[in-house]
Protein backbone atom coordinates (compact mmCIF):
# COMPACT_ATOMS: atom_id res chain seq x y z
CA MET A 1 90.79 -11.45 35.53
CA THR A 2 89.30 -11.85 32.05
CA THR A 3 86.00 -10.65 30.66
CA PRO A 4 83.81 -13.31 29.01
CA PRO A 5 82.42 -12.20 25.61
CA ARG A 6 78.78 -12.11 26.69
CA GLU A 7 79.63 -10.08 29.79
CA ALA A 8 81.64 -7.61 27.71
CA LEU A 9 78.73 -7.38 25.30
CA GLY A 10 76.41 -6.66 28.23
CA ARG A 11 78.55 -3.65 29.19
CA LEU A 12 77.94 -1.89 25.89
CA PRO A 13 74.81 0.06 26.87
CA SER A 14 76.49 1.67 29.89
CA ALA A 15 79.65 2.40 27.85
CA VAL A 16 77.51 4.21 25.28
CA GLU A 17 75.52 6.05 27.94
CA SER A 18 78.64 7.19 29.83
CA GLY A 19 80.23 8.62 26.68
CA GLU A 20 83.13 6.18 26.82
CA VAL A 21 82.36 4.92 23.32
CA GLU A 22 82.10 8.47 21.97
CA ARG A 23 85.54 9.36 23.38
CA LEU A 24 87.06 6.14 22.09
CA CYS A 25 85.66 6.61 18.60
CA GLY A 26 86.97 10.18 18.57
CA ARG A 27 90.41 9.02 19.64
CA TYR A 28 90.64 6.47 16.81
CA ASP A 29 88.71 8.50 14.18
CA LEU A 30 85.95 5.90 13.95
CA ASP A 31 82.40 6.63 12.92
CA LEU A 32 80.94 3.12 13.09
CA LEU A 33 81.46 0.02 15.25
CA VAL A 34 79.22 -3.04 14.87
CA VAL A 35 79.38 -6.22 16.97
CA HIS A 36 78.82 -9.49 15.12
CA GLY A 37 79.72 -13.18 15.34
CA SER A 38 79.26 -15.85 17.99
CA ALA A 39 79.01 -13.45 20.95
CA VAL A 40 75.78 -11.99 19.56
CA GLU A 41 74.20 -15.20 18.24
CA ARG A 42 71.12 -16.23 20.19
CA GLU A 43 72.11 -19.90 20.31
CA PRO A 44 75.73 -20.33 19.20
CA SER A 45 77.00 -23.84 18.47
CA ARG A 46 79.79 -23.25 21.01
CA ALA A 47 80.63 -20.73 23.70
CA PRO A 48 82.08 -17.57 22.13
CA ALA A 49 85.81 -17.08 22.69
CA ASP A 50 85.99 -13.53 21.41
CA LEU A 51 84.10 -10.41 20.45
CA ASP A 52 83.97 -9.71 16.73
CA ILE A 53 83.41 -6.16 15.57
CA ALA A 54 83.63 -4.30 12.32
CA CYS A 55 84.63 -0.66 12.35
CA ARG A 56 84.81 2.14 9.82
CA HIS A 57 87.11 5.14 9.95
CA ARG A 58 85.60 8.52 9.26
CA PRO A 59 85.67 9.28 5.52
CA GLY A 60 88.90 10.98 4.55
CA THR A 61 90.74 9.72 7.63
CA ALA A 62 94.16 8.48 6.66
CA LEU A 63 95.72 5.63 8.59
CA ASP A 64 98.94 6.84 10.19
CA THR A 65 101.45 4.17 9.16
CA SER A 66 103.93 5.37 11.78
CA ARG A 67 101.42 4.15 14.38
CA LEU A 68 101.57 0.70 12.82
CA ARG A 69 105.33 0.64 13.32
CA SER A 70 105.30 2.09 16.83
CA GLU A 71 102.13 0.43 18.20
CA PRO A 72 102.16 -3.34 17.71
CA VAL A 73 98.65 -3.71 19.15
CA THR A 74 97.28 -1.24 16.59
CA ALA A 75 99.19 -2.95 13.78
CA ALA A 76 97.91 -6.39 14.78
CA ALA A 77 94.35 -5.09 15.11
CA VAL A 78 94.41 -3.39 11.68
CA GLU A 79 95.82 -6.53 10.09
CA ARG A 80 93.20 -8.75 11.72
CA LEU A 81 90.42 -6.28 10.96
CA THR A 82 91.28 -6.27 7.29
CA CYS A 83 91.59 -10.06 7.15
CA ARG A 84 88.11 -10.42 8.63
CA LEU A 85 86.64 -7.97 6.14
CA VAL A 86 88.26 -9.69 3.17
CA ASP A 87 87.05 -13.09 4.45
CA LEU A 88 83.50 -11.75 4.74
CA ALA A 89 83.68 -10.13 1.30
CA ALA A 90 85.03 -13.31 -0.31
CA ASP A 91 82.30 -15.34 1.40
CA SER A 92 79.64 -13.00 0.03
CA ASN A 93 81.29 -13.01 -3.39
CA THR A 94 81.26 -16.81 -3.50
CA HIS A 95 77.57 -16.94 -2.59
CA ILE A 96 76.57 -14.25 -5.10
CA SER A 97 78.67 -15.87 -7.82
CA SER A 98 77.14 -19.30 -7.14
CA VAL A 99 73.56 -17.99 -7.16
CA VAL A 100 73.71 -15.32 -9.88
CA LEU A 101 76.38 -16.67 -12.23
CA VAL A 102 75.91 -20.36 -11.30
CA ARG A 103 79.66 -20.62 -10.92
CA ALA A 104 81.58 -21.02 -7.68
CA PRO A 105 85.06 -19.48 -7.63
CA GLU A 106 87.94 -21.79 -6.75
CA ASN A 107 89.42 -19.53 -4.07
CA TYR A 108 88.98 -16.19 -2.31
CA ARG A 109 91.18 -14.27 -4.73
CA ASP A 110 89.19 -15.58 -7.71
CA SER A 111 85.90 -14.60 -6.04
CA PHE A 112 86.34 -10.91 -6.89
CA ASP A 113 86.36 -11.17 -10.71
CA PRO A 114 82.81 -12.59 -10.86
CA MET A 115 81.63 -9.59 -8.81
CA GLU A 116 82.77 -7.36 -11.64
CA TRP A 117 81.04 -9.58 -14.22
CA ALA A 118 77.83 -9.50 -12.18
CA ARG A 119 78.19 -5.69 -11.88
CA VAL A 120 78.34 -5.86 -8.09
CA LEU A 121 81.81 -4.25 -7.97
CA THR A 122 83.58 -1.99 -10.42
CA ALA A 123 86.79 -3.05 -12.14
CA GLU A 124 88.61 -0.33 -10.19
CA ILE A 125 87.52 -1.72 -6.82
CA VAL A 126 88.34 -5.30 -7.84
CA GLU A 127 91.77 -4.13 -8.98
CA LYS A 128 92.40 -2.40 -5.63
CA ILE A 129 91.27 -5.15 -3.26
CA LYS A 130 92.15 -8.37 -5.11
CA PRO A 131 95.95 -8.11 -4.63
CA SER A 132 95.56 -8.13 -0.83
CA VAL A 133 93.47 -11.31 -0.75
CA GLY A 134 95.44 -14.31 0.45
CA THR A 135 98.62 -12.39 1.20
CA PRO A 136 100.28 -12.53 4.62
CA ARG A 137 100.17 -8.73 4.98
CA THR A 138 96.78 -7.13 4.63
CA LYS A 139 95.88 -3.72 3.29
CA ARG A 140 93.34 -1.21 4.54
CA TRP A 141 90.61 -0.72 1.94
CA GLU A 142 88.12 2.13 1.70
CA GLY A 143 88.45 2.89 5.42
CA VAL A 144 86.61 -0.27 6.48
CA THR A 145 88.19 -2.91 8.69
CA GLY A 146 87.06 -5.82 10.87
CA LEU A 147 88.41 -7.08 14.22
CA SER A 148 88.44 -10.16 16.42
CA ILE A 149 90.05 -9.87 19.85
CA ARG A 150 90.29 -12.83 22.21
CA CYS A 151 88.50 -11.99 25.43
CA SER A 152 91.18 -13.67 27.51
CA ARG A 153 93.16 -10.47 26.81
CA ALA A 154 90.21 -8.09 27.11
CA ARG A 155 90.74 -6.59 30.55
CA ARG A 156 88.66 -3.52 31.31
CA SER A 157 91.75 -1.55 32.27
CA GLU A 158 93.48 -2.17 28.94
CA SER A 159 91.80 0.42 26.77
CA PRO A 160 93.44 -0.57 23.43
CA VAL A 161 91.88 -4.02 23.83
CA TRP A 162 88.70 -3.00 25.64
CA TRP A 163 87.58 -0.96 22.63
CA ALA A 164 86.61 -4.25 20.98
CA GLY A 165 83.54 -4.19 23.19
CA MET A 166 82.40 -0.75 22.11
CA ILE A 167 79.72 0.37 19.71
CA ARG A 168 78.07 3.71 18.99
CA ASP A 169 74.31 3.21 19.17
CA ARG A 170 73.23 6.30 17.28
CA LEU A 171 75.22 5.34 14.18
CA HIS A 172 73.85 1.92 13.42
CA PRO A 173 70.46 0.27 13.99
CA VAL A 174 72.20 -3.06 14.68
CA PHE A 175 72.98 -1.75 18.19
CA ALA A 176 69.42 -2.39 19.39
CA SER A 177 69.47 -6.03 18.34
CA VAL A 178 73.02 -6.54 19.63
CA VAL A 179 72.23 -5.52 23.20
CA GLY A 180 68.67 -6.84 23.19
CA ASP A 181 67.06 -3.41 23.56
CA ARG A 182 63.96 -3.84 21.41
């Protein structure tokens, strides 16, 4: 049995209230989870196929690379999370570059240099993140990652996958708008 994205999203308030999210975030050293994408859109152009979340590791938390080798689900999630973050960053970069510098970059990798010119990012940050853009293997950057998990695999009993539907309400004001608690 699979969990449709909207149904999984509807379970968030009880998961927060029961402490399940708190335990999960502690287990993975996360301090922020935010749901975004088609599952939270009021009127999406198509039925959502997945839950999209962004998560942030607690500052100073190192990613245990041995887990990436021994836990393929974790490795795949980290890779996908980072890809989503870089895509979002490049999208924002392109928009800012087009509006502020009146120049659209030709590709994602080239979208980071204009952010330095516009003083949005420092040269050091551009130098760190730019090499991972457009490469088949992604890199974790500044402890922030993004994730998309297909709900056809999101069974409630499979905790490594179920955590895609979790969010900690006290850490981000987006929670109220995500679950419709206004």
